[in-house]
Protein backbone atom coordinates (compact mmCIF):
# COMPACT_ATOMS: atom_id res chain seq x y z
CA PRO A 1 6.36 -36.77 6.76
CA ALA A 2 5.17 -35.43 10.08
CA ASP A 3 1.45 -35.00 10.57
CA SER A 4 0.68 -31.31 10.01
CA SER A 5 -1.55 -31.26 13.08
CA THR A 6 1.44 -32.03 15.29
CA MET A 7 3.96 -29.72 13.61
CA ALA A 8 5.16 -26.75 15.64
CA ALA A 9 3.83 -23.37 14.61
CA PRO A 10 6.35 -21.04 12.94
CA LYS A 11 8.32 -18.92 15.37
CA ALA A 12 6.91 -15.39 15.59
CA SER A 13 10.04 -13.58 14.42
CA VAL A 14 8.33 -10.87 12.36
CA MET A 15 6.92 -7.84 14.15
CA PRO A 16 3.44 -6.69 13.06
CA VAL A 17 2.98 -2.91 13.06
CA SER A 18 -0.24 -0.95 12.87
CA GLY A 19 1.31 2.00 11.08
CA LEU A 20 4.57 3.68 10.10
CA ARG A 21 4.34 5.85 13.22
CA ASP A 22 5.26 2.75 15.28
CA LEU A 23 8.72 2.87 13.68
CA LEU A 24 9.12 6.62 13.56
CA HIS A 25 12.19 7.05 15.76
CA ARG A 26 14.13 4.05 14.47
CA TYR A 27 14.78 5.28 10.94
CA ASP A 28 15.85 8.36 9.00
CA VAL A 29 15.36 7.10 5.42
CA LEU A 30 12.62 5.13 3.69
CA LEU A 31 13.33 3.10 0.54
CA LEU A 32 9.87 2.95 -1.01
CA ASP A 33 8.78 0.38 -3.57
CA GLN A 34 6.21 1.51 -6.15
CA LEU A 35 3.78 -1.21 -7.18
CA GLY A 36 1.99 -2.76 -4.23
CA VAL A 37 3.09 -0.01 -1.86
CA LEU A 38 2.48 3.47 -3.32
CA HIS A 39 -0.03 2.35 -5.96
CA ASP A 40 -1.36 -0.83 -7.59
CA GLY A 41 -0.73 0.15 -11.20
CA LYS A 42 -4.22 1.60 -11.50
CA ASN A 43 -5.05 3.28 -8.21
CA VAL A 44 -2.98 5.56 -5.98
CA HIS A 45 -2.62 4.38 -2.39
CA SER A 46 -3.33 7.74 -0.76
CA ALA A 47 -2.76 6.44 2.77
CA ALA A 48 0.76 5.35 1.80
CA TRP A 49 1.64 8.77 0.43
CA ASP A 50 0.17 10.39 3.55
CA ALA A 51 2.35 8.15 5.74
CA ALA A 52 5.44 9.03 3.71
CA ARG A 53 4.68 12.74 3.97
CA ARG A 54 4.18 12.55 7.75
CA PHE A 55 7.47 10.67 8.14
CA GLN A 56 9.28 13.30 6.08
CA GLU A 57 7.76 16.22 8.00
CA VAL A 58 8.55 15.07 11.54
CA PRO A 59 9.75 18.22 13.37
CA GLY A 60 13.44 18.39 14.23
CA ARG A 61 14.35 15.53 11.88
CA ASP A 62 15.90 15.44 8.42
CA ASN A 63 14.06 12.36 7.19
CA LYS A 64 14.36 11.38 3.52
CA LEU A 65 12.16 9.50 1.06
CA VAL A 66 13.80 7.52 -1.75
CA LEU A 67 11.88 5.63 -4.40
CA ALA A 68 13.51 2.21 -4.86
CA SER A 69 11.84 0.58 -7.84
CA ASN A 70 12.48 -2.33 -10.18
CA SER A 71 11.13 -0.20 -13.01
CA SER A 72 13.26 -0.51 -16.14
CA ARG A 73 12.72 3.20 -16.77
CA SER A 74 14.99 6.10 -15.91
CA ALA A 75 14.44 8.06 -12.71
CA THR A 76 13.01 10.98 -14.69
CA VAL A 77 10.50 8.83 -16.57
CA ALA A 78 9.54 6.97 -13.39
CA LEU A 79 8.72 10.28 -11.69
CA GLN A 80 6.70 11.40 -14.69
CA GLY A 81 4.71 8.17 -14.50
CA LEU A 82 3.92 8.72 -10.83
CA LYS A 83 2.79 12.29 -11.46
CA LYS A 84 0.61 11.15 -14.36
CA MET A 85 -1.14 8.70 -12.02
CA GLY A 86 -1.85 11.52 -9.57
CA CYS A 87 0.83 10.59 -7.02
CA ASP A 88 2.50 13.33 -4.99
CA ALA A 89 5.90 12.48 -6.50
CA GLY A 90 7.28 15.86 -5.46
CA LEU A 91 7.67 14.46 -1.95
CA LEU A 92 10.47 12.15 -3.06
CA ASP A 93 14.01 13.24 -2.24
CA GLY A 94 15.65 10.66 -4.48
CA VAL A 95 14.85 7.99 -7.04
CA VAL A 96 16.63 4.71 -7.78
CA THR A 97 15.32 2.44 -10.53
CA SER A 98 16.75 -0.74 -11.97
CA GLY A 99 16.67 1.15 -15.27
CA GLU A 100 19.22 3.62 -13.90
CA VAL A 101 21.43 0.77 -12.69
CA SER A 102 21.15 -0.98 -16.07
CA HIS A 103 22.25 2.19 -17.87
CA ARG A 104 25.35 2.21 -15.67
CA TRP A 105 26.00 -1.43 -16.57
CA LEU A 106 25.54 -0.83 -20.30
CA ASN A 107 27.76 2.25 -20.29
CA LYS A 108 30.47 0.36 -18.40
CA ARG A 109 30.17 -2.52 -20.89
CA LYS A 110 30.49 -0.12 -23.82
CA THR A 111 33.57 1.54 -22.28
CA GLU A 112 35.21 -1.84 -21.72
CA GLN A 113 34.48 -2.84 -25.33
CA GLN A 114 36.05 0.37 -26.61
CA LYS A 115 39.13 -0.10 -24.43
CA ALA A 116 39.48 -3.66 -25.72
CA LYS A 117 39.39 -2.43 -29.31
CA HIS A 118 42.04 0.19 -28.62
CA ALA A 119 44.17 -2.41 -26.84
CA GLU A 120 44.31 -4.52 -30.00
CA GLY A 121 46.96 -2.09 -31.21
CA SER A 122 47.21 0.26 -34.11
CA ARG A 123 45.27 -0.76 -37.19
CA GLN A 124 47.17 -1.59 -40.35
CA THR A 125 47.01 0.65 -43.41
CA GLY A 126 46.72 -0.83 -46.88
CA ASP A 127 50.51 -0.93 -47.41
CA GLY A 128 51.19 -2.59 -44.08
CA ARG A 129 52.16 0.57 -42.15
CA ASP A 130 50.72 1.17 -38.70
CA ALA A 131 48.01 3.77 -38.99
CA HIS A 132 48.73 7.19 -37.51
CA PRO A 133 46.32 8.14 -34.70
CA SER A 134 44.91 10.89 -36.92
CA GLU A 135 43.86 8.23 -39.44
CA SER A 136 41.88 6.22 -36.87
CA THR A 137 38.10 6.28 -36.92
CA ASP A 138 36.40 8.36 -34.24
CA MET A 139 34.71 5.64 -32.17
CA GLU A 140 32.22 7.95 -30.57
CA SER A 141 30.86 9.57 -33.70
CA ASN A 142 31.21 6.85 -36.33
CA GLU A 143 30.78 3.63 -34.37
CA GLU A 144 28.04 1.40 -35.77
CA LEU A 145 25.06 0.53 -33.61
CA GLU A 146 25.36 -2.79 -31.79
CA ASN A 147 22.65 -5.30 -32.74
CA VAL A 148 20.66 -6.61 -29.79
CA VAL A 149 17.41 -8.47 -29.18
CA HIS A 150 15.34 -5.80 -27.46
CA MET A 151 12.39 -7.02 -25.39
CA THR A 152 10.24 -4.01 -24.61
CA TRP A 153 6.73 -2.83 -23.77
CA GLN A 154 3.90 -1.99 -26.11
CA TRP A 155 1.24 -0.86 -23.65
CA ARG A 156 3.58 0.64 -21.03
CA GLY A 157 5.69 2.56 -23.52
CA HIS A 158 8.86 1.76 -25.46
CA GLN A 159 12.32 2.89 -24.37
CA SER A 160 14.83 3.42 -27.14
CA LEU A 161 18.38 2.05 -26.87
CA SER A 162 19.82 4.18 -29.66
CA GLU A 163 21.45 6.64 -27.22
CA LEU A 164 23.36 3.68 -25.82
CA GLY A 165 24.62 2.75 -29.27
CA MET A 166 22.23 -0.19 -29.71
CA ARG A 167 19.61 -1.26 -32.21
CA GLY A 168 16.94 -3.92 -31.77
CA VAL A 169 16.83 -6.57 -34.49
CA SER A 170 14.16 -8.95 -35.78
CA GLU A 171 14.15 -12.71 -35.26
CA ALA A 172 15.48 -13.11 -38.81
CA GLU A 173 18.50 -10.93 -37.94
CA MET A 174 19.10 -12.52 -34.56
CA GLN A 175 22.31 -14.21 -35.69
CA ASP A 176 23.88 -10.74 -35.74
CA ALA A 177 22.83 -9.89 -32.17
CA THR A 178 25.32 -9.85 -29.29
CA LEU A 179 23.05 -9.23 -26.30
CA VAL A 180 19.43 -9.62 -25.15
CA VAL A 181 18.11 -6.49 -23.40
CA SER A 182 14.96 -7.35 -21.47
CA GLN A 183 13.16 -4.13 -20.57
CA GLY A 184 9.61 -5.30 -21.19
CA ALA A 185 7.50 -8.40 -21.65
CA ASP A 186 4.89 -7.87 -24.37
CA ALA A 187 6.81 -6.71 -27.48
CA ILE A 188 10.17 -6.52 -29.22
CA ALA A 189 11.68 -3.45 -30.83
CA VAL A 190 13.15 -3.66 -34.33
CA GLY A 191 14.88 -0.34 -34.68
CA GLU A 192 12.15 1.97 -33.40
CA GLU A 193 9.30 -0.24 -34.65
CA ILE A 194 7.36 -2.01 -31.89
CA ILE A 195 6.16 -5.54 -32.67
CA PRO A 196 3.61 -6.94 -30.16
CA MET A 197 4.26 -10.47 -28.86
CA GLU A 198 1.89 -12.92 -27.19
CA ASP A 199 3.19 -14.86 -24.19
CA ASP A 200 3.88 -18.01 -26.20
CA GLN A 201 5.69 -16.03 -28.92
CA MET A 202 7.90 -14.34 -26.33
CA GLU A 203 8.73 -17.66 -24.70
CA LYS A 204 9.78 -19.14 -28.07
CA LEU A 205 11.94 -16.09 -28.78
CA VAL A 206 13.62 -16.30 -25.39
CA LEU A 207 14.42 -19.99 -25.85
CA LYS A 208 15.79 -19.30 -29.33
CA CYS A 209 18.08 -16.60 -27.90
CA ALA A 210 19.26 -18.99 -25.18
CA GLU A 211 20.32 -21.47 -27.87
CA LYS A 212 22.55 -18.75 -29.35
CA ASN A 213 24.20 -18.38 -25.93
CA MET A 214 23.88 -14.58 -25.77
CA GLU A 215 23.98 -12.83 -22.41
CA MET A 216 20.72 -11.31 -21.23
CA LEU A 217 20.47 -8.04 -19.33
CA CYS A 218 17.25 -8.04 -17.30
CA THR A 219 16.45 -4.47 -16.30
CA ASN A 220 13.40 -5.43 -14.23
CA PRO A 221 13.87 -8.63 -12.20
CA ASP A 222 10.23 -8.73 -11.05
CA MET A 223 8.48 -11.95 -12.04
CA VAL A 224 5.01 -10.41 -11.91
CA ALA A 225 3.57 -7.00 -11.07
CA GLN A 226 0.28 -5.96 -9.57
CA TYR A 227 -2.25 -4.10 -11.70
CA GLY A 228 -5.39 -3.64 -9.65
CA LYS A 229 -6.24 -7.18 -8.58
CA GLU A 230 -4.48 -8.81 -11.53
CA LEU A 231 -0.87 -9.95 -11.87
CA ALA A 232 1.03 -9.38 -15.15
CA LYS A 233 4.20 -11.11 -16.34
CA MET A 234 7.33 -9.02 -16.06
CA PRO A 235 10.85 -9.27 -17.55
CA GLY A 236 12.04 -11.31 -14.57
CA PHE A 237 9.73 -14.13 -15.64
CA TYR A 238 11.52 -14.46 -18.97
CA ALA A 239 14.92 -14.04 -17.33
CA GLU A 240 14.24 -17.10 -15.20
CA LEU A 241 13.08 -19.01 -18.28
CA TYR A 242 16.29 -17.95 -20.03
CA GLU A 243 18.43 -19.29 -17.19
CA LYS A 244 16.54 -22.58 -17.07
CA ALA A 245 17.32 -22.96 -20.79
CA GLY A 246 21.03 -22.52 -20.04
CA GLY A 247 21.36 -18.79 -20.74
CA THR A 248 23.36 -16.28 -18.70
CA VAL A 249 21.45 -13.40 -17.09
CA THR A 250 22.63 -10.18 -15.45
CA ARG A 251 19.98 -8.50 -13.30
CA THR A 252 20.28 -4.87 -12.22
CA GLY A 253 17.36 -4.48 -9.81
CA LYS A 254 16.20 -5.85 -6.49
CA PRO A 255 17.34 -8.18 -4.93
CA GLU A 256 20.81 -7.67 -6.49
CA PRO A 257 23.50 -6.09 -4.26
CA VAL A 258 24.40 -3.56 -6.99
CA PHE A 259 20.93 -2.02 -6.65
CA TYR A 260 21.31 -1.40 -2.93
CA GLU A 261 24.83 -0.06 -3.34
CA PHE A 262 23.38 2.54 -5.71
CA CYS A 263 20.62 3.30 -3.18
CA MET A 264 23.22 3.98 -0.49
CA GLU A 265 25.14 6.24 -2.88
CA VAL A 266 22.00 8.27 -3.52
CA ILE A 267 21.21 8.46 0.20
CA GLN A 268 24.72 9.65 1.02
CA GLU A 269 24.40 12.40 -1.60
CA LEU A 270 21.14 13.53 0.05
CA TYR A 271 23.09 14.07 3.28
CA ASP A 272 25.85 16.09 1.58
CA GLY A 273 28.21 13.15 1.27
CA LYS A 274 27.99 12.05 4.88
CA PRO A 275 27.87 8.25 5.34
CA VAL A 276 24.51 6.91 6.52
CA ASP A 277 24.31 3.85 8.75
CA ARG A 278 22.20 1.15 7.12
CA SER A 279 20.53 0.52 10.47
CA ARG A 280 18.81 3.91 10.00
CA VAL A 281 17.33 2.90 6.62
CA LEU A 282 14.02 1.06 6.25
CA ALA A 283 12.99 -0.62 2.99
CA ILE A 284 9.26 -0.99 2.34
CA GLY A 285 8.01 -3.44 -0.26
CA ASP A 286 5.56 -6.19 -1.16
CA SER A 287 7.77 -8.87 -2.75
CA MET A 288 9.42 -11.56 -0.64
CA ALA A 289 11.80 -12.50 -3.47
CA HIS A 290 12.87 -8.95 -4.27
CA ASP A 291 12.16 -6.37 -1.56
CA VAL A 292 12.56 -8.59 1.48
CA MET A 293 15.41 -10.73 0.17
CA GLY A 294 17.33 -7.80 -1.32
CA ALA A 295 17.08 -5.49 1.67
CA SER A 296 17.85 -8.26 4.16
CA ASN A 297 20.96 -9.33 2.23
CA ALA A 298 22.05 -5.69 2.11
CA GLY A 299 21.79 -5.35 5.88
CA ILE A 300 18.69 -3.13 5.71
CA ASP A 301 15.53 -3.66 7.77
CA VAL A 302 12.38 -4.21 5.73
CA LEU A 303 8.66 -3.65 6.23
CA PHE A 304 6.66 -6.23 4.25
CA VAL A 305 3.36 -4.94 2.83
CA GLN A 306 0.82 -7.75 2.66
CA GLY A 307 -1.57 -6.13 0.19
CA GLY A 308 0.70 -6.40 -2.85
CA ILE A 309 1.62 -9.27 -5.13
CA HIS A 310 1.29 -11.84 -2.31
CA TYR A 311 -2.23 -10.98 -1.15
CA LYS A 312 -3.69 -14.09 -2.80
CA ASP A 313 -0.90 -16.25 -1.36
CA LEU A 314 -1.88 -14.95 2.06
CA GLY A 315 -5.58 -15.66 1.48
CA ILE A 316 -6.68 -12.06 2.01
CA ASP A 317 -8.32 -9.31 -0.01
CA LEU A 318 -6.54 -6.01 -0.56
CA GLY A 319 -6.49 -4.03 2.68
CA GLU A 320 -7.20 -7.03 4.90
CA GLU A 321 -4.70 -8.23 7.47
CA ALA A 322 -3.10 -11.66 7.16
CA SER A 323 -2.32 -13.76 10.18
CA LEU A 324 1.26 -13.53 11.40
CA LYS A 325 1.52 -17.31 11.00
CA ASP A 326 0.67 -17.05 7.29
CA VAL A 327 3.17 -14.22 6.74
CA ILE A 328 5.97 -16.19 8.41
CA GLU A 329 5.16 -19.35 6.46
CA LEU A 330 5.19 -17.38 3.21
CA ALA A 331 8.55 -15.85 4.11
CA GLN A 332 9.95 -19.29 4.91
CA LYS A 333 9.00 -20.50 1.43
CA TYR A 334 11.32 -17.83 0.02
CA GLY A 335 13.99 -18.37 2.65
CA VAL A 336 13.70 -14.81 3.94
CA GLN A 337 12.53 -12.95 7.04
CA PRO A 338 11.05 -9.44 6.97
CA THR A 339 11.67 -7.28 10.01
CA TYR A 340 8.08 -6.01 10.18
CA THR A 341 4.78 -6.53 8.42
CA ILE A 342 1.73 -4.38 7.78
CA PRO A 343 -1.49 -4.89 5.74
CA MET A 344 -0.98 -1.70 3.69
CA LEU A 345 1.41 1.21 4.21
CA ARG A 346 -0.30 3.78 6.43
CA TRP A 347 0.56 6.16 9.22
């Protein structure tokens, strides 16, 4: 290996900015991450909200703010959570969460299952005659709930799957399950009962599910999330464990292309159906593996916020500025390149 003292310094290909105002005239839409950008799970980042408001209120412009979050919750619940924290969520013009995308995926899956059942042909009556359509069971009203392994949250709040025709089962009933739905990381839901799980218990459950070869739907691909100065395990952590054990995982949030396609749909609706050039959209986030990778792959410029989940990797405290060299080296570890970088989102 080459001596580190003689190795060339990383090429300065990321532009540091002092504030959002430096980029004011380049973009019309901001895709805003939540954790690490607008708040840290405990405290509201007031300067970030002020910057967003100033961007939105630029005279003579029709700038838009869209929340783009890996939250497994619906857009409505995500907004409620922001308001409860004291965030000025009313500023947001649109909301995209991985939870919304996962609902689309689950509904599409259910429709395909129903079509497959209908395609099997008419059911046989007891005397061998084909059943008349009027004798068929109403699939919408009488269909039994599908059994799934439902990983959820205890402390962040449980989200029921019953409206999607699903029911969480216990470990003892797991042989009847057809899917793992990973919405949380500290509990499982059995029906509507929430059973807390320690990290080691959750890992054992995940590995047991992988042995059964069920597909997993991960509704929040984040590996960890920032809560104050601490990092907590997220559903993405267990999704990666599941894959390493040989399981199949579908992710519906950042950095997946389907998430950004949904973002562009929402943005187009905000402009009355008029197409929006992706070069006029700026994503802002704190995760190299999710925000930076996802936006870059989608052809969207991205502003990397240093004071999020990577602040320890960068050797800084929250609010401090990392060296450009350290930011570039961190990005290279993930095989990505943010367009810009800033210590914390501010005007």
